[in-house]
N, C-alpha and C. Protein backbone atom coordinates (compact mmCIF):
# COMPACT_ATOMS: atom_id res chain seq x y z
N MET A 1 -83.44 -69.61 58.38
CA MET A 1 -84.38 -69.71 59.48
C MET A 1 -85.32 -68.51 59.47
N THR A 2 -86.54 -68.74 59.85
CA THR A 2 -87.48 -67.64 59.98
C THR A 2 -87.28 -66.96 61.33
N PRO A 3 -87.71 -65.71 61.48
CA PRO A 3 -87.53 -65.03 62.76
C PRO A 3 -88.10 -65.81 63.94
N SER A 4 -89.19 -66.55 63.73
CA SER A 4 -89.75 -67.32 64.84
C SER A 4 -88.86 -68.50 65.22
N ALA A 5 -87.98 -68.94 64.30
CA ALA A 5 -87.08 -70.05 64.57
C ALA A 5 -85.76 -69.58 65.16
N GLU A 6 -85.63 -68.28 65.36
CA GLU A 6 -84.39 -67.73 65.91
C GLU A 6 -84.15 -68.31 67.31
N ARG A 7 -82.93 -68.81 67.51
CA ARG A 7 -82.60 -69.39 68.82
C ARG A 7 -82.14 -68.31 69.78
N PRO A 8 -82.58 -68.38 71.02
CA PRO A 8 -82.13 -67.39 72.00
C PRO A 8 -80.69 -67.67 72.43
N VAL A 9 -80.03 -66.65 72.95
CA VAL A 9 -78.69 -66.80 73.53
C VAL A 9 -78.88 -67.01 75.03
N LEU A 10 -78.37 -68.09 75.56
CA LEU A 10 -78.39 -68.33 77.00
C LEU A 10 -77.01 -68.03 77.54
N TRP A 11 -76.92 -67.12 78.47
CA TRP A 11 -75.65 -66.66 79.02
C TRP A 11 -75.28 -67.50 80.22
N MET A 12 -74.02 -67.89 80.32
CA MET A 12 -73.53 -68.71 81.43
C MET A 12 -72.71 -67.86 82.39
N GLY A 13 -72.93 -68.06 83.68
CA GLY A 13 -72.13 -67.35 84.69
C GLY A 13 -72.16 -65.85 84.47
N SER A 14 -71.00 -65.24 84.47
CA SER A 14 -70.89 -63.78 84.33
C SER A 14 -70.64 -63.35 82.88
N SER A 15 -70.86 -64.24 81.92
CA SER A 15 -70.50 -63.95 80.53
C SER A 15 -71.18 -62.70 79.97
N ARG A 16 -72.45 -62.50 80.28
CA ARG A 16 -73.14 -61.32 79.75
C ARG A 16 -72.57 -60.04 80.37
N LYS A 17 -72.34 -60.08 81.65
CA LYS A 17 -71.75 -58.93 82.34
C LYS A 17 -70.34 -58.67 81.81
N ASP A 18 -69.57 -59.72 81.61
CA ASP A 18 -68.22 -59.57 81.08
C ASP A 18 -68.23 -58.95 79.69
N LEU A 19 -69.15 -59.40 78.84
CA LEU A 19 -69.25 -58.86 77.48
C LEU A 19 -69.60 -57.37 77.51
N ARG A 20 -70.45 -56.97 78.42
CA ARG A 20 -70.85 -55.56 78.54
C ARG A 20 -69.68 -54.66 78.92
N ALA A 21 -68.63 -55.23 79.47
CA ALA A 21 -67.44 -54.46 79.85
C ALA A 21 -66.48 -54.27 78.66
N PHE A 22 -66.71 -54.96 77.56
CA PHE A 22 -65.87 -54.83 76.38
C PHE A 22 -66.11 -53.46 75.73
N PRO A 23 -65.15 -52.97 74.95
CA PRO A 23 -65.36 -51.72 74.22
C PRO A 23 -66.58 -51.81 73.29
N ARG A 24 -67.19 -50.67 73.03
CA ARG A 24 -68.43 -50.61 72.24
C ARG A 24 -68.33 -51.32 70.90
N GLN A 25 -67.30 -51.05 70.11
CA GLN A 25 -67.19 -51.67 68.79
C GLN A 25 -67.00 -53.18 68.91
N VAL A 26 -66.29 -53.62 69.92
CA VAL A 26 -66.11 -55.07 70.14
C VAL A 26 -67.47 -55.70 70.45
N ARG A 27 -68.27 -55.06 71.30
CA ARG A 27 -69.61 -55.57 71.61
C ARG A 27 -70.45 -55.66 70.35
N ARG A 28 -70.35 -54.66 69.48
CA ARG A 28 -71.11 -54.68 68.23
C ARG A 28 -70.67 -55.84 67.33
N ASP A 29 -69.37 -56.03 67.19
CA ASP A 29 -68.85 -57.12 66.36
C ASP A 29 -69.31 -58.47 66.90
N ILE A 30 -69.21 -58.66 68.20
CA ILE A 30 -69.62 -59.92 68.81
C ILE A 30 -71.12 -60.10 68.69
N GLY A 31 -71.87 -59.03 68.93
CA GLY A 31 -73.32 -59.09 68.80
C GLY A 31 -73.76 -59.48 67.40
N LYS A 32 -73.09 -58.94 66.40
CA LYS A 32 -73.38 -59.27 65.00
C LYS A 32 -73.14 -60.77 64.75
N ALA A 33 -72.05 -61.27 65.25
CA ALA A 33 -71.72 -62.69 65.06
C ALA A 33 -72.69 -63.59 65.83
N LEU A 34 -73.08 -63.19 67.03
CA LEU A 34 -74.05 -63.98 67.79
C LEU A 34 -75.42 -63.96 67.11
N TYR A 35 -75.80 -62.82 66.54
CA TYR A 35 -77.07 -62.74 65.83
C TYR A 35 -77.06 -63.68 64.62
N ALA A 36 -75.94 -63.73 63.91
CA ALA A 36 -75.82 -64.66 62.78
C ALA A 36 -76.01 -66.09 63.27
N ALA A 37 -75.42 -66.43 64.41
CA ALA A 37 -75.56 -67.78 64.97
C ALA A 37 -77.02 -68.06 65.32
N GLN A 38 -77.72 -67.07 65.84
CA GLN A 38 -79.14 -67.25 66.15
C GLN A 38 -79.96 -67.55 64.89
N GLN A 39 -79.50 -67.04 63.77
CA GLN A 39 -80.18 -67.23 62.48
C GLN A 39 -79.75 -68.53 61.80
N GLY A 40 -78.83 -69.27 62.43
CA GLY A 40 -78.34 -70.51 61.84
C GLY A 40 -77.18 -70.31 60.89
N GLU A 41 -76.56 -69.13 60.93
CA GLU A 41 -75.43 -68.82 60.06
C GLU A 41 -74.14 -68.73 60.87
N ILE A 42 -73.03 -68.65 60.17
CA ILE A 42 -71.74 -68.47 60.84
C ILE A 42 -71.12 -67.18 60.30
N ASP A 43 -70.89 -66.23 61.16
CA ASP A 43 -70.27 -64.96 60.80
C ASP A 43 -68.81 -65.21 60.43
N PRO A 44 -68.25 -64.43 59.50
CA PRO A 44 -66.83 -64.60 59.14
C PRO A 44 -65.86 -64.46 60.32
N ALA A 45 -66.27 -63.76 61.39
CA ALA A 45 -65.41 -63.60 62.56
C ALA A 45 -65.42 -64.83 63.46
N ALA A 46 -66.31 -65.79 63.20
CA ALA A 46 -66.42 -66.99 64.02
C ALA A 46 -65.71 -68.16 63.37
N LYS A 47 -64.94 -68.86 64.15
CA LYS A 47 -64.19 -70.03 63.68
C LYS A 47 -64.36 -71.15 64.70
N ALA A 48 -64.26 -72.39 64.24
CA ALA A 48 -64.32 -73.53 65.15
C ALA A 48 -63.18 -73.43 66.16
N LEU A 49 -63.50 -73.62 67.43
CA LEU A 49 -62.50 -73.55 68.49
C LEU A 49 -61.66 -74.82 68.45
N LYS A 50 -60.37 -74.65 68.34
CA LYS A 50 -59.44 -75.79 68.25
C LYS A 50 -59.50 -76.63 69.52
N GLY A 51 -59.41 -77.93 69.34
CA GLY A 51 -59.37 -78.84 70.47
C GLY A 51 -60.74 -79.35 70.91
N PHE A 52 -61.81 -78.89 70.25
CA PHE A 52 -63.15 -79.33 70.63
C PHE A 52 -63.80 -80.19 69.56
N GLY A 53 -63.07 -80.48 68.49
CA GLY A 53 -63.57 -81.37 67.45
C GLY A 53 -64.84 -80.87 66.79
N GLY A 54 -64.81 -80.71 65.53
CA GLY A 54 -66.00 -80.28 64.79
C GLY A 54 -66.28 -78.81 64.94
N GLY A 55 -67.49 -78.43 64.58
CA GLY A 55 -67.85 -77.02 64.60
C GLY A 55 -68.95 -76.69 65.57
N SER A 56 -69.08 -77.44 66.66
CA SER A 56 -70.16 -77.14 67.61
C SER A 56 -69.76 -76.11 68.65
N VAL A 57 -68.46 -75.87 68.83
CA VAL A 57 -67.96 -74.82 69.72
C VAL A 57 -67.20 -73.83 68.85
N LEU A 58 -67.68 -72.60 68.83
CA LEU A 58 -67.08 -71.59 67.97
C LEU A 58 -66.52 -70.43 68.79
N GLU A 59 -65.55 -69.77 68.20
CA GLU A 59 -64.89 -68.64 68.84
C GLU A 59 -65.02 -67.43 67.91
N ILE A 60 -65.51 -66.33 68.47
CA ILE A 60 -65.58 -65.07 67.74
C ILE A 60 -64.32 -64.30 68.10
N ILE A 61 -63.60 -63.86 67.09
CA ILE A 61 -62.37 -63.11 67.31
C ILE A 61 -62.51 -61.75 66.65
N THR A 62 -62.25 -60.69 67.41
CA THR A 62 -62.29 -59.35 66.87
C THR A 62 -61.12 -58.54 67.42
N ASP A 63 -60.54 -57.73 66.58
CA ASP A 63 -59.41 -56.89 66.97
C ASP A 63 -59.87 -55.45 67.08
N GLN A 64 -59.37 -54.76 68.09
CA GLN A 64 -59.72 -53.36 68.31
C GLN A 64 -58.56 -52.66 68.99
N HIS A 65 -58.03 -51.65 68.34
CA HIS A 65 -56.94 -50.84 68.90
C HIS A 65 -55.75 -51.68 69.37
N GLY A 66 -55.38 -52.66 68.58
CA GLY A 66 -54.20 -53.48 68.89
C GLY A 66 -54.46 -54.60 69.88
N ASP A 67 -55.68 -54.73 70.37
CA ASP A 67 -56.03 -55.82 71.28
C ASP A 67 -56.93 -56.82 70.56
N THR A 68 -56.87 -58.07 70.97
CA THR A 68 -57.73 -59.10 70.41
C THR A 68 -58.73 -59.53 71.47
N TRP A 69 -59.99 -59.57 71.09
CA TRP A 69 -61.08 -59.95 71.99
C TRP A 69 -61.68 -61.25 71.49
N ARG A 70 -62.00 -62.14 72.42
CA ARG A 70 -62.52 -63.46 72.04
C ARG A 70 -63.77 -63.79 72.86
N THR A 71 -64.69 -64.43 72.18
CA THR A 71 -65.91 -64.91 72.82
C THR A 71 -66.17 -66.31 72.28
N VAL A 72 -66.60 -67.20 73.15
CA VAL A 72 -66.84 -68.59 72.76
C VAL A 72 -68.33 -68.89 72.93
N TYR A 73 -68.88 -69.61 71.95
CA TYR A 73 -70.27 -70.04 72.07
C TYR A 73 -70.45 -71.44 71.51
N VAL A 74 -71.55 -72.07 71.90
CA VAL A 74 -71.85 -73.45 71.50
C VAL A 74 -73.11 -73.46 70.65
N VAL A 75 -73.08 -74.18 69.55
CA VAL A 75 -74.23 -74.26 68.66
C VAL A 75 -74.83 -75.67 68.58
N ARG A 76 -74.35 -76.59 69.36
CA ARG A 76 -74.82 -77.97 69.22
C ARG A 76 -76.19 -78.22 69.83
N PHE A 77 -76.69 -77.28 70.63
CA PHE A 77 -78.00 -77.43 71.25
C PHE A 77 -79.06 -76.83 70.34
N LYS A 78 -80.14 -77.53 70.10
CA LYS A 78 -81.18 -77.06 69.18
C LYS A 78 -81.97 -75.89 69.75
N ALA A 79 -82.11 -75.82 71.05
CA ALA A 79 -82.99 -74.82 71.65
C ALA A 79 -82.35 -73.45 71.85
N ALA A 80 -81.02 -73.38 71.92
CA ALA A 80 -80.38 -72.09 72.24
C ALA A 80 -78.92 -72.08 71.82
N ILE A 81 -78.38 -70.86 71.77
CA ILE A 81 -76.95 -70.62 71.52
C ILE A 81 -76.30 -70.46 72.88
């Protein structure tokens, strides 16, 4: 995808605020994976979320200091992530 075709991230409810409360490195890892999604790619940290059939709902998983952090996003909409 070209930069002009980059899809914006639309945040639902308190998701953006919640993400900002995550540790710095976790935010960076998730941000990197979301940026890849905006470019039409799938980051290695993102996997299809089980139980939703197919790959339109993905989960980013990152580990930091013995804790696991998860973020879910949808890619089935053409206009946004």
